[in-house]
Amino acid sequence: MKIRTLFWHIKEAFRSLKRNGWMTIASISAVAITLLLIGGLIATVFNINKFATDVEEDVTIRVSIDLAADEAAEDELYDQIAAIPQVEHIDFSSRDNELDNVIGVYGDMFDLFEGDENPLYDVFIVEATEPHMTAEVASQIEPLNYVKDVNYGGARADQLFKLTEKMRNYGLIFIAILIFTAVFLISNTIRITIFSRSTEVEIMKLVGAKNWFIRWPFLIEGAIIGLIGSLIPAGILGYSYVNVYRILSSYLSGSYFSLLPPDPFLYYLIAVIVGIGVVIGSLGSARSIRRFLDI
């Protein structure tokens, strides 16, 4: 296609949008509302996914070391645990450090035991390479020499992993359903716009215009409608997310859960919203114009 012809199509697309003002507004509104829902759902699902990841990463295996183990035995146990392929990281916490942690949580309650022998154990805190590997790693550590106890939450941790996996899967399914619905609604809205101009299309065919020549202005119109319709929810979502992030961050400070930071998440979200808008607008026009062309 010649550059001059492309510019003519673009000019004709803008002229047509202006000429069919009310239908253009209706199409842009349909795109904006649908993409606002999609964008809101994407932001929600991605933050739920981050929450699930934060929770999973907080699950560790606590390996209590038998009091009979000397320093050499502890070193040997460390090496045996580190040799397990699914082990990502190991930290050591002495029994004195464990006692300090308990006192830090329960405070004055443990003052009653001041002067008594420390009843706690030295502990290895083990992280698996993948959260769902936690149970398998724990089962491999349990029979090792000088292991007094292995604790990772057991059945509750397994239930947690299943729950977070369901949250991810259902979120992706909802996004896919909403995108499919958006294609259907937007293409039908654009189809109504094109149907109102069926006479114009028939005249162009009668004077000998080729299908590609007729199709291009409508494709450009759809892309423009999708672009304008996506910029509106992009602005709303960007403004809303920044404010929600600022408000919730103060409440969530100190916890292991946090929202995705606006930079760079919002840039990706806006790019996706604009991309979906342009693609859906173009595909909606292409799908709608087919019935008027002999393809």
Protein backbone atom coordinates (compact mmCIF):
# COMPACT_ATOMS: atom_id res chain seq x y z
CA MET A 1 0.00 0.00 0.00
CA LYS A 2 1.27 3.45 -0.93
CA ILE A 3 1.92 5.96 1.86
CA ARG A 4 -0.49 8.43 0.22
CA THR A 5 -3.23 5.80 0.16
CA LEU A 6 -2.61 4.97 3.86
CA PHE A 7 -2.90 8.62 4.85
CA TRP A 8 -6.11 8.86 2.82
CA HIS A 9 -7.54 5.89 4.73
CA ILE A 10 -6.56 7.44 8.07
CA LYS A 11 -8.12 10.75 7.07
CA GLU A 12 -11.27 8.98 5.90
CA ALA A 13 -11.44 7.01 9.17
CA PHE A 14 -11.35 10.21 11.27
CA ARG A 15 -13.92 11.84 8.98
CA SER A 16 -16.21 8.82 9.36
CA LEU A 17 -15.84 8.81 13.14
CA LYS A 18 -16.83 12.46 13.26
CA ARG A 19 -19.72 11.94 10.84
CA ASN A 20 -21.12 9.08 12.93
CA GLY A 21 -20.61 10.85 16.23
CA TRP A 22 -23.18 9.12 18.43
CA MET A 23 -22.26 5.63 17.25
CA THR A 24 -18.59 6.48 17.76
CA ILE A 25 -19.30 7.60 21.33
CA ALA A 26 -21.27 4.40 21.95
CA SER A 27 -18.40 2.24 20.65
CA ILE A 28 -15.76 4.12 22.68
CA SER A 29 -17.94 3.84 25.80
CA ALA A 30 -18.31 0.09 25.32
CA VAL A 31 -14.55 -0.29 24.94
CA ALA A 32 -13.81 1.94 27.94
CA ILE A 33 -16.23 0.21 30.32
CA THR A 34 -15.13 -3.28 29.29
CA LEU A 35 -11.41 -2.47 29.52
CA LEU A 36 -11.94 -0.81 32.90
CA LEU A 37 -13.35 -4.11 34.17
CA ILE A 38 -10.53 -6.09 32.55
CA GLY A 39 -7.86 -3.75 33.94
CA GLY A 40 -9.36 -3.84 37.43
CA LEU A 41 -9.50 -7.63 37.33
CA ILE A 42 -5.91 -7.88 36.06
CA ALA A 43 -4.67 -5.61 38.86
CA THR A 44 -6.63 -7.64 41.43
CA VAL A 45 -5.45 -11.03 40.12
CA PHE A 46 -1.80 -9.99 39.93
CA ASN A 47 -1.88 -8.65 43.49
CA ILE A 48 -3.59 -11.84 44.69
CA ASN A 49 -0.83 -13.77 42.93
CA LYS A 50 1.78 -11.65 44.76
CA PHE A 51 -0.01 -12.27 48.05
CA ALA A 52 -0.03 -16.01 47.34
CA THR A 53 3.68 -15.92 46.48
CA ASP A 54 4.49 -13.95 49.64
CA VAL A 55 2.59 -16.46 51.76
CA GLU A 56 4.24 -19.42 50.05
CA GLU A 57 7.71 -17.94 50.46
CA ASP A 58 7.03 -17.43 54.15
CA VAL A 59 6.65 -21.20 54.60
CA THR A 60 9.92 -22.67 55.89
CA ILE A 61 11.01 -25.95 57.43
CA ARG A 62 12.24 -25.74 61.03
CA VAL A 63 14.62 -28.59 61.85
CA SER A 64 15.22 -28.97 65.59
CA ILE A 65 18.65 -30.48 66.35
CA ASP A 66 19.00 -33.11 69.05
CA LEU A 67 20.75 -31.86 72.19
CA ALA A 68 23.19 -34.77 71.90
CA ALA A 69 24.68 -33.31 68.70
CA ASP A 70 28.03 -31.58 69.10
CA GLU A 71 29.36 -28.96 66.70
CA ALA A 72 30.84 -31.56 64.32
CA ALA A 73 27.53 -33.44 64.24
CA GLU A 74 25.65 -30.20 63.48
CA ASP A 75 28.05 -29.42 60.63
CA GLU A 76 27.55 -32.91 59.22
CA LEU A 77 23.77 -32.53 59.44
CA TYR A 78 24.01 -29.16 57.70
CA ASP A 79 25.95 -30.73 54.83
CA GLN A 80 23.42 -33.56 54.52
CA ILE A 81 20.51 -31.10 54.32
CA ALA A 82 22.36 -28.85 51.86
CA ALA A 83 22.97 -31.89 49.62
CA ILE A 84 19.22 -32.32 49.07
CA PRO A 85 18.56 -31.00 45.50
CA GLN A 86 15.32 -29.22 46.43
CA VAL A 87 16.93 -27.16 49.22
CA GLU A 88 17.41 -23.50 48.34
CA HIS A 89 18.76 -21.95 51.54
CA ILE A 90 19.61 -22.87 55.14
CA ASP A 91 19.86 -20.57 58.18
CA PHE A 92 21.06 -21.54 61.64
CA SER A 93 19.38 -20.30 64.80
CA SER A 94 20.98 -21.18 68.13
CA ARG A 95 18.88 -22.25 71.13
CA ASP A 96 19.75 -18.95 72.83
CA ASN A 97 18.51 -17.04 69.82
CA GLU A 98 15.34 -19.16 69.81
CA LEU A 99 14.76 -18.31 73.46
CA ASP A 100 15.23 -14.60 72.75
CA ASN A 101 12.63 -14.86 69.98
CA VAL A 102 10.16 -16.57 72.30
CA ILE A 103 10.70 -13.95 75.00
CA GLY A 104 10.26 -11.24 72.38
CA VAL A 105 6.84 -12.68 71.52
CA TYR A 106 5.58 -13.65 74.99
CA GLY A 107 7.45 -11.08 77.05
CA ASP A 108 7.22 -11.18 80.82
CA MET A 109 5.59 -14.63 80.87
CA PHE A 110 9.05 -16.20 80.52
CA ASP A 111 10.60 -14.16 83.33
CA LEU A 112 9.34 -16.91 85.65
CA PHE A 113 11.90 -19.29 84.12
CA GLU A 114 14.85 -16.94 84.54
CA GLY A 115 17.86 -18.90 85.72
CA ASP A 116 16.50 -22.26 84.50
CA GLU A 117 18.25 -24.18 81.78
CA ASN A 118 17.21 -23.23 78.24
CA PRO A 119 14.72 -25.96 77.15
CA LEU A 120 14.86 -25.10 73.44
CA TYR A 121 16.91 -26.61 70.60
CA ASP A 122 19.31 -25.32 67.98
CA VAL A 123 17.39 -25.01 64.73
CA PHE A 124 18.10 -25.13 61.01
CA ILE A 125 15.61 -23.00 59.05
CA VAL A 126 15.35 -24.52 55.58
CA GLU A 127 13.79 -23.02 52.44
CA ALA A 128 12.83 -25.23 49.48
CA THR A 129 13.54 -24.23 45.88
CA GLU A 130 9.78 -24.29 45.21
CA PRO A 131 7.04 -23.95 47.86
CA HIS A 132 5.29 -27.15 46.74
CA MET A 133 8.56 -29.03 47.38
CA THR A 134 8.42 -28.21 51.10
CA ALA A 135 6.73 -31.46 52.18
CA GLU A 136 9.12 -33.56 50.10
CA VAL A 137 12.18 -31.81 51.58
CA ALA A 138 10.81 -32.23 55.10
CA SER A 139 10.30 -35.97 54.53
CA GLN A 140 13.94 -36.32 53.40
CA ILE A 141 15.28 -34.44 56.43
CA GLU A 142 13.22 -36.25 59.04
CA PRO A 143 15.18 -39.59 59.07
CA LEU A 144 18.63 -37.95 59.26
CA ASN A 145 20.76 -38.45 62.37
CA TYR A 146 20.43 -35.90 65.20
CA VAL A 147 17.13 -34.54 63.85
CA LYS A 148 14.84 -34.10 66.86
CA ASP A 149 11.82 -32.68 65.06
CA VAL A 150 10.81 -31.33 61.62
CA ASN A 151 8.03 -28.76 61.40
CA TYR A 152 6.69 -26.88 58.35
CA GLY A 153 2.97 -26.67 59.04
CA GLY A 154 2.10 -30.09 57.65
CA ALA A 155 -1.42 -30.44 56.30
CA ARG A 156 -2.14 -26.72 56.78
CA ALA A 157 0.80 -25.77 54.56
CA ASP A 158 -0.35 -28.27 51.92
CA GLN A 159 -3.86 -26.78 52.02
CA LEU A 160 -2.34 -23.31 51.72
CA PHE A 161 -0.41 -24.29 48.57
CA LYS A 162 -3.57 -25.78 47.01
CA LEU A 163 -5.56 -22.65 47.87
CA THR A 164 -3.00 -20.27 46.34
CA GLU A 165 -2.84 -22.40 43.19
CA LYS A 166 -6.64 -22.25 42.86
CA MET A 167 -6.56 -18.48 43.35
CA ARG A 168 -4.09 -18.13 40.47
CA ASN A 169 -5.98 -20.46 38.14
CA TYR A 170 -9.42 -18.95 38.77
CA GLY A 171 -8.02 -15.46 38.30
CA LEU A 172 -6.58 -16.33 34.89
CA ILE A 173 -9.86 -18.02 33.88
CA PHE A 174 -11.85 -14.90 34.85
CA ILE A 175 -9.50 -12.68 32.82
CA ALA A 176 -9.83 -14.96 29.77
CA ILE A 177 -13.64 -14.99 30.07
CA LEU A 178 -13.78 -11.21 30.39
CA ILE A 179 -11.50 -10.69 27.38
CA PHE A 180 -13.67 -13.05 25.31
CA THR A 181 -16.77 -11.16 26.46
CA ALA A 182 -15.06 -7.87 25.57
CA VAL A 183 -14.34 -9.07 22.02
CA PHE A 184 -17.99 -10.11 21.63
CA LEU A 185 -19.52 -6.92 23.06
CA ILE A 186 -17.16 -4.51 21.33
CA SER A 187 -17.37 -6.24 17.95
CA ASN A 188 -21.18 -6.20 18.14
CA THR A 189 -21.17 -2.51 19.04
CA ILE A 190 -18.88 -1.75 16.11
CA ARG A 191 -21.00 -4.00 13.90
CA ILE A 192 -24.01 -1.79 14.61
CA THR A 193 -21.94 1.22 13.53
CA ILE A 194 -20.93 -0.51 10.31
CA PHE A 195 -24.46 -1.78 9.67
CA SER A 196 -25.69 1.81 9.77
CA ARG A 197 -23.26 2.47 6.91
CA SER A 198 -24.08 -0.58 4.82
CA THR A 199 -25.37 1.62 2.02
CA GLU A 200 -22.02 3.41 1.92
CA VAL A 201 -20.23 0.06 1.64
CA GLU A 202 -22.56 -1.12 -1.14
CA ILE A 203 -21.95 2.08 -3.14
CA MET A 204 -18.19 1.61 -2.82
CA LYS A 205 -18.54 -1.96 -4.10
CA LEU A 206 -20.72 -0.84 -7.01
CA VAL A 207 -18.11 1.68 -8.21
CA GLY A 208 -15.51 -1.10 -8.23
CA ALA A 209 -13.64 -0.59 -4.97
CA LYS A 210 -11.71 -3.67 -3.90
CA ASN A 211 -12.38 -5.41 -0.60
CA TRP A 212 -9.07 -4.35 0.94
CA PHE A 213 -9.75 -0.72 -0.02
CA ILE A 214 -13.16 -0.86 1.70
CA ARG A 215 -11.82 -2.75 4.70
CA TRP A 216 -8.88 -0.51 5.64
CA PRO A 217 -10.83 2.58 6.81
CA PHE A 218 -12.96 0.37 9.05
CA LEU A 219 -9.89 -1.36 10.51
CA ILE A 220 -8.32 2.02 11.24
CA GLU A 221 -11.59 3.25 12.75
CA GLY A 222 -11.69 0.20 15.00
CA ALA A 223 -8.09 0.77 16.08
CA ILE A 224 -8.80 4.45 16.83
CA ILE A 225 -11.94 3.55 18.80
CA GLY A 226 -9.95 0.92 20.73
CA LEU A 227 -7.10 3.38 21.39
CA ILE A 228 -9.34 6.19 22.66
CA GLY A 229 -11.50 3.73 24.58
CA SER A 230 -8.42 2.25 26.27
CA LEU A 231 -6.83 5.56 27.29
CA ILE A 232 -9.84 6.43 29.44
CA PRO A 233 -9.70 3.31 31.69
CA ALA A 234 -5.88 3.48 31.63
CA GLY A 235 -6.05 6.94 33.21
CA ILE A 236 -8.72 5.91 35.73
CA LEU A 237 -6.86 2.73 36.71
CA GLY A 238 -3.53 4.54 37.00
CA TYR A 239 -4.94 7.26 39.27
CA SER A 240 -6.96 4.79 41.36
CA TYR A 241 -4.14 2.29 41.79
CA VAL A 242 -1.65 4.91 42.97
CA ASN A 243 -4.10 6.14 45.62
CA VAL A 244 -5.10 2.63 46.74
CA TYR A 245 -1.43 1.66 46.95
CA ARG A 246 -0.62 4.72 49.08
CA ILE A 247 -3.54 4.09 51.46
CA LEU A 248 -3.07 0.33 51.87
CA SER A 249 0.71 0.51 52.16
CA SER A 250 0.38 2.28 55.52
CA TYR A 251 -1.94 -0.45 56.81
CA LEU A 252 0.20 -3.30 55.48
CA SER A 253 3.53 -1.96 56.68
CA GLY A 254 5.22 -4.48 58.94
CA SER A 255 3.38 -7.45 57.44
CA TYR A 256 4.79 -9.86 54.88
CA PHE A 257 2.10 -8.84 52.38
CA SER A 258 2.41 -5.81 50.14
CA LEU A 259 0.86 -4.60 46.89
CA LEU A 260 2.76 -4.52 43.64
CA PRO A 261 4.51 -1.12 43.44
CA PRO A 262 3.01 1.23 40.80
CA ASP A 263 6.43 1.50 39.15
CA PRO A 264 6.77 -0.59 37.00
CA PHE A 265 3.44 -2.47 37.39
CA LEU A 266 1.27 0.39 36.13
CA TYR A 267 3.39 0.81 32.98
CA TYR A 268 2.84 -2.86 32.11
CA LEU A 269 -0.87 -2.67 32.98
CA ILE A 270 -1.47 0.44 30.86
CA ALA A 271 0.48 -1.08 27.94
CA VAL A 272 -1.66 -4.24 28.15
CA ILE A 273 -4.91 -2.26 28.35
CA VAL A 274 -4.00 -0.06 25.37
CA GLY A 275 -2.80 -3.09 23.39
CA ILE A 276 -6.00 -5.02 24.10
CA GLY A 277 -8.09 -1.98 23.13
CA VAL A 278 -6.38 -1.48 19.77
CA VAL A 279 -6.39 -5.20 18.92
CA ILE A 280 -10.01 -5.75 19.96
CA GLY A 281 -11.11 -2.62 18.11
CA SER A 282 -9.39 -3.74 14.91
CA LEU A 283 -10.59 -7.35 15.20
CA GLY A 284 -14.12 -6.16 15.96
CA SER A 285 -14.15 -4.06 12.80
CA ALA A 286 -12.62 -6.87 10.73
CA ARG A 287 -15.19 -9.36 12.04
CA SER A 288 -18.08 -6.97 11.40
CA ILE A 289 -17.13 -5.87 7.87
CA ARG A 290 -16.88 -9.47 6.63
CA ARG A 291 -20.63 -9.80 6.15
CA PHE A 292 -20.64 -6.90 3.70
CA LEU A 293 -17.74 -8.16 1.60
CA ASP A 294 -17.47 -11.12 -0.74
CA ILE A 295 -14.42 -12.77 0.87
